């Protein structure tokens, strides 16, 4: 009758539970560098173009005061505190996007990826800048709406029927700023998602 070798090694038995209960690999916490850098470059481009469009929106028109009498009146963004705040806020966004693009690229080059501390700083400052840019966009949009529609209750006349080029530049600049605000919102969501992945996989 054939016999079977049923030799059982204690060392092998001890190794089997260790293999099954091996701890999972540590989560490196990738920053999704391509998406992060692309969004920050988009923030820079939209903010920069928005500033250029708003700054170059100056327009001068002949305004008739009486038959045979007209004066030249300019329309500039400097005439409105809301537009000045708008340009300043987007200038800060431009500078911030340049700094964070460099930091994001340097973090992506590290073998360990982006640290949780760096990601937390991104969330905090992205959210702060989102509030600044969104507030500036809302303030500029309110002034632009009055210029386009006027306000009969306060006696404010619309000016876009006269300063058409100025109003077109202002509207385009505000639209680009709205894209910047949405980009910052996406950056906040991306950073929160990466932080969530790090905390759940530890």
Protein backbone atom coordinates (compact mmCIF):
# COMPACT_ATOMS: atom_id res chain seq x y z
CA UNK A 1 0.00 0.00 0.00
CA UNK A 2 1.36 3.38 -0.98
CA UNK A 3 2.26 5.73 1.80
CA UNK A 4 1.95 9.51 1.70
CA UNK A 5 4.34 11.91 3.31
CA UNK A 6 2.31 14.00 5.74
CA UNK A 7 5.24 15.78 7.28
CA UNK A 8 4.11 19.19 8.59
CA UNK A 9 6.73 21.87 9.21
CA UNK A 10 6.07 24.10 12.25
CA UNK A 11 8.02 26.91 10.62
CA UNK A 12 5.74 26.84 7.60
CA UNK A 13 2.68 26.90 9.81
CA UNK A 14 4.02 29.93 11.66
CA UNK A 15 4.73 31.81 8.42
CA UNK A 16 1.23 31.33 6.99
CA UNK A 17 -0.61 33.63 9.46
CA UNK A 18 2.11 36.22 9.02
CA UNK A 19 1.55 36.25 5.28
CA UNK A 20 -2.18 36.60 5.69
CA UNK A 21 -1.94 39.36 8.30
CA UNK A 22 0.80 41.35 6.57
CA UNK A 23 0.08 45.06 7.08
CA UNK A 24 -1.01 46.98 3.97
CA UNK A 25 1.50 49.17 2.27
CA UNK A 26 1.60 52.72 3.49
CA UNK A 27 -0.38 55.14 1.36
CA UNK A 28 1.96 57.57 -0.26
CA UNK A 29 -0.73 60.17 -0.79
CA UNK A 30 -0.25 61.21 -4.37
CA UNK A 31 -1.28 64.80 -5.07
CA UNK A 32 -2.79 64.05 -8.44
CA UNK A 33 -0.04 66.34 -9.72
CA UNK A 34 -1.24 66.63 -13.29
CA UNK A 35 -4.75 67.68 -12.30
CA UNK A 36 -3.52 69.97 -9.52
CA UNK A 37 -0.95 71.73 -11.71
CA UNK A 38 -3.38 72.01 -14.62
CA UNK A 39 -6.00 73.67 -12.43
CA UNK A 40 -3.47 76.10 -10.98
CA UNK A 41 -2.21 77.02 -14.45
CA UNK A 42 -5.83 77.56 -15.51
CA UNK A 43 -6.30 79.82 -12.47
CA UNK A 44 -3.27 81.86 -13.46
CA UNK A 45 -4.37 82.24 -17.08
CA UNK A 46 -7.96 83.21 -16.35
CA UNK A 47 -6.97 85.66 -13.62
CA UNK A 48 -4.25 87.25 -15.77
CA UNK A 49 -6.47 87.65 -18.83
CA UNK A 50 -9.27 89.01 -16.64
CA UNK A 51 -6.94 91.68 -15.26
CA UNK A 52 -5.70 92.65 -18.72
CA UNK A 53 -9.24 92.91 -20.09
CA UNK A 54 -10.42 95.04 -17.16
CA UNK A 55 -7.39 97.36 -17.18
CA UNK A 56 -7.74 97.97 -20.93
CA UNK A 57 -11.46 98.72 -20.71
CA UNK A 58 -11.01 102.52 -20.78
CA UNK A 59 -13.33 104.30 -23.19
CA UNK A 60 -13.93 107.99 -23.83
CA UNK A 61 -17.13 109.33 -25.41
CA UNK A 62 -18.54 112.73 -26.36
CA UNK A 63 -21.49 113.39 -24.05
CA UNK A 64 -23.88 116.13 -25.31
CA UNK A 65 -24.89 118.65 -22.64
CA UNK A 66 -26.76 121.12 -24.84
CA UNK A 67 -27.28 121.72 -28.55
CA UNK A 68 -23.85 122.34 -29.98
CA UNK A 69 -22.12 121.61 -26.64
CA UNK A 70 -20.51 118.30 -25.77
CA UNK A 71 -17.74 117.23 -23.43
CA UNK A 72 -15.44 114.22 -23.49
CA UNK A 73 -16.03 111.92 -20.53
CA UNK A 74 -13.91 108.80 -19.94
CA UNK A 75 -15.06 105.55 -18.35
CA UNK A 76 -12.30 103.75 -16.44
CA UNK A 77 -12.21 100.91 -13.97
CA UNK A 78 -10.46 103.27 -11.51
CA UNK A 79 -13.73 105.19 -11.18
CA UNK A 80 -15.30 102.31 -9.23
CA UNK A 81 -13.91 101.01 -5.90
CA UNK A 82 -15.49 97.63 -6.68
CA UNK A 83 -13.52 97.35 -9.92
CA UNK A 84 -10.31 98.39 -8.14
CA UNK A 85 -10.87 95.68 -5.52
CA UNK A 86 -11.62 93.27 -8.38
CA UNK A 87 -8.25 93.94 -10.05
CA UNK A 88 -6.34 93.72 -6.76
CA UNK A 89 -7.99 90.41 -5.80
CA UNK A 90 -7.19 88.85 -9.17
CA UNK A 91 -3.61 90.13 -8.96
CA UNK A 92 -3.26 88.27 -5.65
CA UNK A 93 -4.74 85.18 -7.33
CA UNK A 94 -2.14 85.41 -10.11
CA UNK A 95 0.76 85.63 -7.68
CA UNK A 96 -0.67 82.85 -5.54
CA UNK A 97 -1.13 80.54 -8.53
CA UNK A 98 2.50 80.99 -9.57
CA UNK A 99 3.76 80.12 -6.08
CA UNK A 100 1.51 77.09 -5.70
CA UNK A 101 2.34 75.72 -9.16
CA UNK A 102 6.03 75.70 -8.19
CA UNK A 103 5.27 74.06 -4.81
CA UNK A 104 3.01 71.47 -6.41
CA UNK A 105 5.67 70.54 -8.96
CA UNK A 106 8.37 70.26 -6.30
CA UNK A 107 6.12 68.06 -4.16
CA UNK A 108 5.31 65.81 -7.12
CA UNK A 109 9.03 65.22 -7.71
CA UNK A 110 9.52 63.79 -4.21
CA UNK A 111 9.44 59.97 -3.92
CA UNK A 112 7.00 60.17 -1.01
CA UNK A 113 4.63 62.44 -2.89
CA UNK A 114 2.86 65.42 -1.40
CA UNK A 115 2.80 65.54 2.39
CA UNK A 116 -0.39 65.90 4.39
CA UNK A 117 0.92 69.15 5.83
CA UNK A 118 1.40 70.64 2.37
CA UNK A 119 -2.04 69.46 1.28
CA UNK A 120 -3.61 71.02 4.38
CA UNK A 121 -1.93 74.34 3.57
CA UNK A 122 -3.27 74.13 0.02
CA UNK A 123 -6.81 73.58 1.33
CA UNK A 124 -6.58 76.49 3.76
CA UNK A 125 -5.15 79.06 1.35
CA UNK A 126 -7.23 77.89 -1.63
CA UNK A 127 -10.39 78.35 0.43
CA UNK A 128 -9.23 81.78 1.61
CA UNK A 129 -8.47 82.92 -1.93
CA UNK A 130 -11.77 81.48 -3.15
CA UNK A 131 -13.60 83.76 -0.73
CA UNK A 132 -11.59 86.80 -1.85
CA UNK A 133 -12.03 86.19 -5.59
CA UNK A 134 -15.71 85.27 -5.26
CA UNK A 135 -16.40 88.43 -3.25
CA UNK A 136 -14.57 90.57 -5.80
CA UNK A 137 -16.48 88.93 -8.65
CA UNK A 138 -19.80 89.55 -6.91
CA UNK A 139 -18.97 93.20 -6.17
CA UNK A 140 -17.84 93.87 -9.73
CA UNK A 141 -20.87 92.04 -11.11
CA UNK A 142 -23.22 94.22 -9.06
CA UNK A 143 -21.64 97.42 -10.41
CA UNK A 144 -21.68 96.06 -13.95
CA UNK A 145 -25.36 95.15 -13.65
CA UNK A 146 -26.22 98.69 -12.59
CA UNK A 147 -24.24 100.01 -15.55
CA UNK A 148 -26.15 97.70 -17.86
CA UNK A 149 -29.67 98.06 -16.42
CA UNK A 150 -29.53 101.14 -14.22
CA UNK A 151 -31.69 101.57 -11.13
CA UNK A 152 -34.87 103.56 -11.45
CA UNK A 153 -35.49 103.58 -7.68
CA UNK A 154 -32.28 105.47 -6.92
CA UNK A 155 -32.13 107.43 -10.15
CA UNK A 156 -28.96 105.73 -11.41
CA UNK A 157 -28.92 105.75 -15.19
CA UNK A 158 -27.49 102.93 -17.25
CA UNK A 159 -24.29 103.72 -19.12
CA UNK A 160 -23.77 100.65 -21.28
CA UNK A 161 -25.85 102.14 -24.08
CA UNK A 162 -23.15 104.84 -24.31
CA UNK A 163 -19.97 103.08 -23.15
CA UNK A 164 -20.52 99.85 -25.03
CA UNK A 165 -16.85 98.85 -25.29
CA UNK A 166 -16.22 99.52 -21.60
CA UNK A 167 -19.19 97.40 -20.59
CA UNK A 168 -18.20 94.58 -22.94
CA UNK A 169 -14.69 94.48 -21.46
CA UNK A 170 -16.09 94.53 -17.94
CA UNK A 171 -18.52 91.67 -18.64
CA UNK A 172 -15.80 89.54 -20.24
CA UNK A 173 -13.46 90.20 -17.31
CA UNK A 174 -16.13 89.24 -14.77
CA UNK A 175 -16.90 86.05 -16.69
CA UNK A 176 -13.23 85.04 -16.62
CA UNK A 177 -13.11 85.81 -12.91
CA UNK A 178 -16.08 83.51 -12.41
CA UNK A 179 -14.08 80.73 -14.09
CA UNK A 180 -11.22 81.50 -11.69
CA UNK A 181 -13.60 81.12 -8.74
CA UNK A 182 -14.84 77.76 -10.04
CA UNK A 183 -11.23 76.64 -10.53
CA UNK A 184 -10.41 77.50 -6.92
CA UNK A 185 -13.46 75.56 -5.77
CA UNK A 186 -12.27 72.51 -7.72
CA UNK A 187 -8.81 72.87 -6.14
CA UNK A 188 -10.35 72.89 -2.67
CA UNK A 189 -12.36 69.76 -3.47
CA UNK A 190 -9.29 68.02 -4.91
CA UNK A 191 -7.16 68.77 -1.85
CA UNK A 192 -9.92 67.59 0.51
CA UNK A 193 -10.27 64.37 -1.49
CA UNK A 194 -6.52 63.68 -1.29
CA UNK A 195 -6.50 64.33 2.46
CA UNK A 196 -9.48 62.01 2.86
CA UNK A 197 -7.66 59.24 0.98
CA UNK A 198 -4.63 59.64 3.22
CA UNK A 199 -6.57 59.43 6.46
CA UNK A 200 -8.71 56.45 5.42
CA UNK A 201 -5.81 54.29 4.19
CA UNK A 202 -3.57 54.60 7.20
